[in-house]
Amino acid sequence: MLSLEHVQAWYGRTQALFDVSLEVVPGEVLALVGTNGAGKSSTIRATLGLIHSKGTVTMYGTDVTAWSTHRRVREFSIGVVPESKSLFPAMTVRENMLVGQTRTNARNLDRAIGVFPMLESRLSTDVGALSGGQRQMVALARTLMRTPRILLLDEPGLGLAPVIVDDIYARIRQLLNPDLAVVLVEQSAARVASLADQVRLISIGRSGDQVAASDAEGLRRLEAIAFGG
């Protein structure tokens, strides 16, 4: 389980989070939605310990608030797909997927390719030659190589066509298992309905209402609060 309690966070002297609390249990996807600058990505960074923060961050029953980012990632096998994707365009798909691996694990590579089979024929292709959707699949596949217990996804559909996002979300859904807790950052509550189990509003650095992703009326209400509709 991943839990944040009354988390505040800063970039230097600028406060980005004022009071964020959330909880996601293994086997479920929690989507964080809201406008640009609402604090969604900052919540991911605070979870990882990448920015100065106060409050409590708990992972599978352990208070990790004082832990370094490296220790959190190592001890709880956290997989992260940041908005920037952090890929190396001049390296091949295979090389990108193996970056950071302490040893080549054929089973993990096969598992990742099994989720994104179109990558198998492109393992020797430079990532810079791929489409945006294909690059995002590489980023996700690389994360799978870690067999994460916590998966943090920061707007994986950003800049992609809706049909591509639908395909990526369907494949992410295949990854879910009883030991994996997922936090997904998105702008639109309606966009995440097919993937998330719960949807929580982040607004002006604070966590707001949370509804089930199956609650269409609740999702519309979150959209109205977030965007003033």
Protein backbone atom coordinates (compact mmCIF):
# COMPACT_ATOMS: atom_id res chain seq x y z
CA MET A 1 0.00 0.00 0.00
CA LEU A 2 1.09 3.56 -0.70
CA SER A 3 -0.16 6.33 1.57
CA LEU A 4 0.46 10.08 1.79
CA GLU A 5 -0.81 11.97 4.83
CA HIS A 6 -1.02 15.77 4.91
CA VAL A 7 1.97 16.18 2.63
CA GLN A 8 3.35 19.64 1.89
CA ALA A 9 6.16 20.24 -0.59
CA TRP A 10 8.37 23.04 -1.90
CA TYR A 11 10.58 23.94 -4.84
CA GLY A 12 13.05 26.16 -3.06
CA ARG A 13 10.91 28.80 -1.35
CA THR A 14 7.90 28.18 -3.57
CA GLN A 15 5.29 25.92 -1.99
CA ALA A 16 3.71 23.50 -4.48
CA LEU A 17 1.72 21.22 -2.15
CA PHE A 18 -0.23 22.46 0.85
CA ASP A 19 -2.15 19.40 2.07
CA VAL A 20 -2.21 16.20 0.00
CA SER A 21 -3.48 12.92 1.40
CA LEU A 22 -4.14 9.76 -0.59
CA GLU A 23 -4.04 6.00 -0.38
CA VAL A 24 -3.78 3.31 -3.03
CA VAL A 25 -3.82 -0.40 -2.25
CA PRO A 26 -2.09 -3.19 -4.20
CA GLY A 27 -4.11 -4.37 -7.16
CA GLU A 28 -5.68 -0.97 -7.77
CA VAL A 29 -5.08 2.16 -9.85
CA LEU A 30 -5.56 5.58 -8.29
CA ALA A 31 -5.76 8.43 -10.80
CA LEU A 32 -4.86 11.97 -9.77
CA VAL A 33 -6.65 14.52 -11.93
CA GLY A 34 -6.69 18.30 -12.15
CA THR A 35 -5.52 21.28 -14.16
CA ASN A 36 -1.96 22.09 -15.15
CA GLY A 37 -0.06 23.33 -12.12
CA ALA A 38 -2.52 21.81 -9.66
CA GLY A 39 0.19 19.74 -7.96
CA LYS A 40 -0.27 16.31 -9.55
CA SER A 41 3.31 15.86 -10.73
CA SER A 42 4.59 17.44 -7.51
CA THR A 43 2.69 14.73 -5.63
CA ILE A 44 4.62 12.10 -7.61
CA ARG A 45 7.92 13.87 -6.84
CA ALA A 46 7.07 14.13 -3.14
CA THR A 47 6.22 10.42 -3.11
CA LEU A 48 9.68 9.72 -4.50
CA GLY A 49 11.41 12.16 -2.16
CA LEU A 50 12.65 14.29 -5.04
CA ILE A 51 11.53 17.58 -3.50
CA HIS A 52 11.60 18.95 0.04
CA SER A 53 8.42 17.93 1.82
CA LYS A 54 6.68 17.56 5.15
CA GLY A 55 3.98 15.12 6.16
CA THR A 56 4.10 11.34 6.06
CA VAL A 57 4.78 8.96 3.16
CA THR A 58 4.16 5.29 3.92
CA MET A 59 4.93 2.33 1.65
CA TYR A 60 3.61 -1.10 2.55
CA GLY A 61 3.42 -0.19 6.22
CA THR A 62 6.85 1.47 6.42
CA ASP A 63 7.26 5.19 7.06
CA VAL A 64 9.73 6.29 4.35
CA THR A 65 9.39 10.04 4.90
CA ALA A 66 13.05 10.43 5.90
CA TRP A 67 14.38 8.00 3.27
CA SER A 68 16.34 9.02 0.19
CA THR A 69 14.84 8.59 -3.26
CA HIS A 70 17.32 5.83 -4.05
CA ARG A 71 16.38 3.85 -0.96
CA ARG A 72 12.64 4.19 -1.61
CA VAL A 73 13.03 3.02 -5.21
CA ARG A 74 15.34 0.15 -4.27
CA GLU A 75 13.48 -1.17 -1.23
CA PHE A 76 10.00 -1.03 -2.76
CA SER A 77 10.90 -1.59 -6.41
CA ILE A 78 9.21 1.61 -7.56
CA GLY A 79 8.67 1.96 -11.28
CA VAL A 80 8.40 5.50 -12.63
CA VAL A 81 7.39 6.73 -16.08
CA PRO A 82 7.88 10.51 -15.92
CA GLU A 83 6.24 12.97 -18.28
CA SER A 84 9.60 13.51 -20.02
CA LYS A 85 9.88 9.73 -20.62
CA SER A 86 13.67 9.93 -20.10
CA LEU A 87 14.55 7.85 -23.15
CA PHE A 88 17.77 8.00 -25.17
CA PRO A 89 16.85 8.66 -28.83
CA ALA A 90 20.22 7.60 -30.26
CA MET A 91 20.04 4.21 -28.52
CA THR A 92 18.04 1.23 -29.72
CA VAL A 93 14.85 0.00 -28.13
CA ARG A 94 16.71 -2.94 -26.57
CA GLU A 95 19.44 -0.68 -25.21
CA ASN A 96 16.90 1.70 -23.71
CA MET A 97 15.04 -1.16 -22.06
CA LEU A 98 18.24 -2.49 -20.49
CA VAL A 99 19.41 0.88 -19.13
CA GLY A 100 19.82 0.66 -15.38
CA GLN A 101 19.48 -3.11 -15.28
CA THR A 102 22.09 -4.66 -13.02
CA ARG A 103 21.85 -7.84 -15.04
CA THR A 104 20.03 -8.97 -18.13
CA ASN A 105 16.95 -10.96 -17.20
CA ALA A 106 15.53 -12.67 -20.28
CA ARG A 107 12.29 -13.50 -18.48
CA ASN A 108 11.65 -9.86 -17.56
CA LEU A 109 12.47 -8.73 -21.09
CA ASP A 110 10.10 -11.33 -22.54
CA ARG A 111 7.40 -10.24 -20.10
CA ALA A 112 7.74 -6.61 -21.11
CA ILE A 113 7.66 -7.45 -24.81
CA GLY A 114 4.62 -9.65 -24.16
CA VAL A 115 2.69 -6.59 -23.01
CA PHE A 116 3.90 -4.49 -25.96
CA PRO A 117 4.46 -7.09 -28.74
CA MET A 118 4.96 -4.47 -31.45
CA LEU A 119 8.32 -3.66 -29.85
CA GLU A 120 9.76 -7.08 -30.63
CA SER A 121 10.35 -6.24 -34.28
CA ARG A 122 11.85 -2.87 -33.32
CA LEU A 123 14.38 -3.94 -30.69
CA SER A 124 17.24 -2.90 -32.99
CA THR A 125 15.59 0.39 -34.02
CA ASP A 126 16.79 3.69 -32.56
CA VAL A 127 14.16 5.14 -30.26
CA GLY A 128 14.42 8.49 -32.07
CA ALA A 129 12.90 6.85 -35.16
CA LEU A 130 9.75 5.74 -33.32
CA SER A 131 6.39 7.45 -33.09
CA GLY A 132 5.31 9.15 -29.85
CA GLY A 133 3.07 6.24 -28.92
CA GLN A 134 5.81 3.72 -29.58
CA ARG A 135 8.28 5.70 -27.46
CA GLN A 136 5.81 5.71 -24.60
CA MET A 137 5.50 1.94 -24.91
CA VAL A 138 9.29 1.66 -24.65
CA ALA A 139 9.25 3.79 -21.50
CA LEU A 140 6.56 1.59 -19.96
CA ALA A 141 8.25 -1.63 -21.06
CA ARG A 142 11.53 -0.48 -19.52
CA THR A 143 9.75 0.15 -16.23
CA LEU A 144 8.29 -3.36 -16.32
CA MET A 145 11.80 -4.78 -16.35
CA ARG A 146 11.96 -3.88 -12.64
CA THR A 147 8.80 -5.88 -11.80
CA PRO A 148 7.63 -2.92 -9.67
CA ARG A 149 5.48 -3.07 -6.54
CA ILE A 150 4.56 0.60 -6.93
CA LEU A 151 4.10 2.11 -10.39
CA LEU A 152 3.97 5.91 -10.83
CA LEU A 153 2.77 7.17 -14.22
CA ASP A 154 2.96 10.89 -14.94
CA GLU A 155 0.59 11.66 -17.83
CA PRO A 156 1.54 8.67 -20.02
CA GLY A 157 -0.88 9.84 -22.71
CA LEU A 158 0.41 13.41 -22.97
CA GLY A 159 0.48 14.61 -26.59
CA LEU A 160 -0.77 11.31 -27.99
CA ALA A 161 -3.88 10.67 -30.08
CA PRO A 162 -6.85 9.36 -28.04
CA VAL A 163 -6.84 6.01 -29.85
CA ILE A 164 -3.17 5.52 -28.92
CA VAL A 165 -3.88 6.46 -25.30
CA ASP A 166 -6.74 3.94 -25.19
CA ASP A 167 -4.38 1.23 -26.43
CA ILE A 168 -1.67 2.13 -23.90
CA TYR A 169 -4.19 2.23 -21.04
CA ALA A 170 -5.57 -1.16 -22.06
CA ARG A 171 -2.06 -2.60 -21.95
CA ILE A 172 -1.32 -1.00 -18.58
CA ARG A 173 -4.47 -2.68 -17.30
CA GLN A 174 -2.90 -6.02 -18.26
CA LEU A 175 -0.05 -5.33 -15.84
CA LEU A 176 -2.22 -5.19 -12.75
CA ASN A 177 -1.72 -7.88 -10.15
CA PRO A 178 -2.49 -8.21 -6.42
CA ASP A 179 1.00 -6.95 -5.51
CA LEU A 180 1.10 -3.80 -7.65
CA ALA A 181 -0.18 -0.37 -6.57
CA VAL A 182 -0.47 2.21 -9.37
CA VAL A 183 -0.74 6.00 -9.25
CA LEU A 184 -1.64 7.64 -12.56
CA VAL A 185 -1.49 11.39 -13.22
CA GLU A 186 -3.87 12.77 -15.84
CA GLN A 187 -5.74 16.01 -16.51
CA SER A 188 -9.11 14.55 -17.46
CA ALA A 189 -11.21 12.43 -15.12
CA ALA A 190 -13.17 11.01 -18.05
CA ARG A 191 -9.92 9.98 -19.79
CA VAL A 192 -8.91 7.63 -16.96
CA ALA A 193 -12.27 5.93 -16.47
CA SER A 194 -11.21 2.83 -18.42
CA LEU A 195 -8.03 2.30 -16.39
CA ALA A 196 -8.44 3.64 -12.86
CA ASP A 197 -10.33 2.16 -9.93
CA GLN A 198 -10.47 5.41 -7.96
CA VAL A 199 -10.07 9.03 -9.10
CA ARG A 200 -8.92 11.80 -6.77
CA LEU A 201 -8.93 15.51 -7.48
CA ILE A 202 -5.79 17.56 -6.89
CA SER A 203 -6.47 21.31 -6.85
CA ILE A 204 -4.14 24.18 -5.93
CA GLY A 205 -1.78 21.83 -4.10
CA ARG A 206 -4.50 20.12 -2.09
CA SER A 207 -6.23 16.77 -2.42
CA GLY A 208 -9.95 17.01 -2.94
CA ASP A 209 -12.86 14.66 -3.53
CA GLN A 210 -12.34 11.03 -4.55
CA VAL A 211 -14.84 8.94 -6.51
CA ALA A 212 -14.96 5.49 -8.05
CA ALA A 213 -13.92 5.50 -11.71
CA SER A 214 -17.19 3.71 -12.49
CA ASP A 215 -19.17 6.66 -11.09
CA ALA A 216 -19.87 8.68 -14.25
CA GLU A 217 -21.74 11.41 -12.40
CA GLY A 218 -18.94 11.67 -9.85
CA LEU A 219 -16.36 12.03 -12.63
CA ARG A 220 -18.38 14.83 -14.22
CA ARG A 221 -18.51 16.57 -10.85
CA LEU A 222 -14.73 16.35 -10.47
CA GLU A 223 -14.30 17.78 -13.98
CA ALA A 224 -16.64 20.66 -13.11
CA ILE A 225 -14.73 21.44 -9.91
CA ALA A 226 -11.34 21.24 -11.62
CA PHE A 227 -12.17 23.19 -14.77
CA GLY A 228 -15.08 25.32 -13.62
CA GLY A 229 -17.53 23.68 -16.00
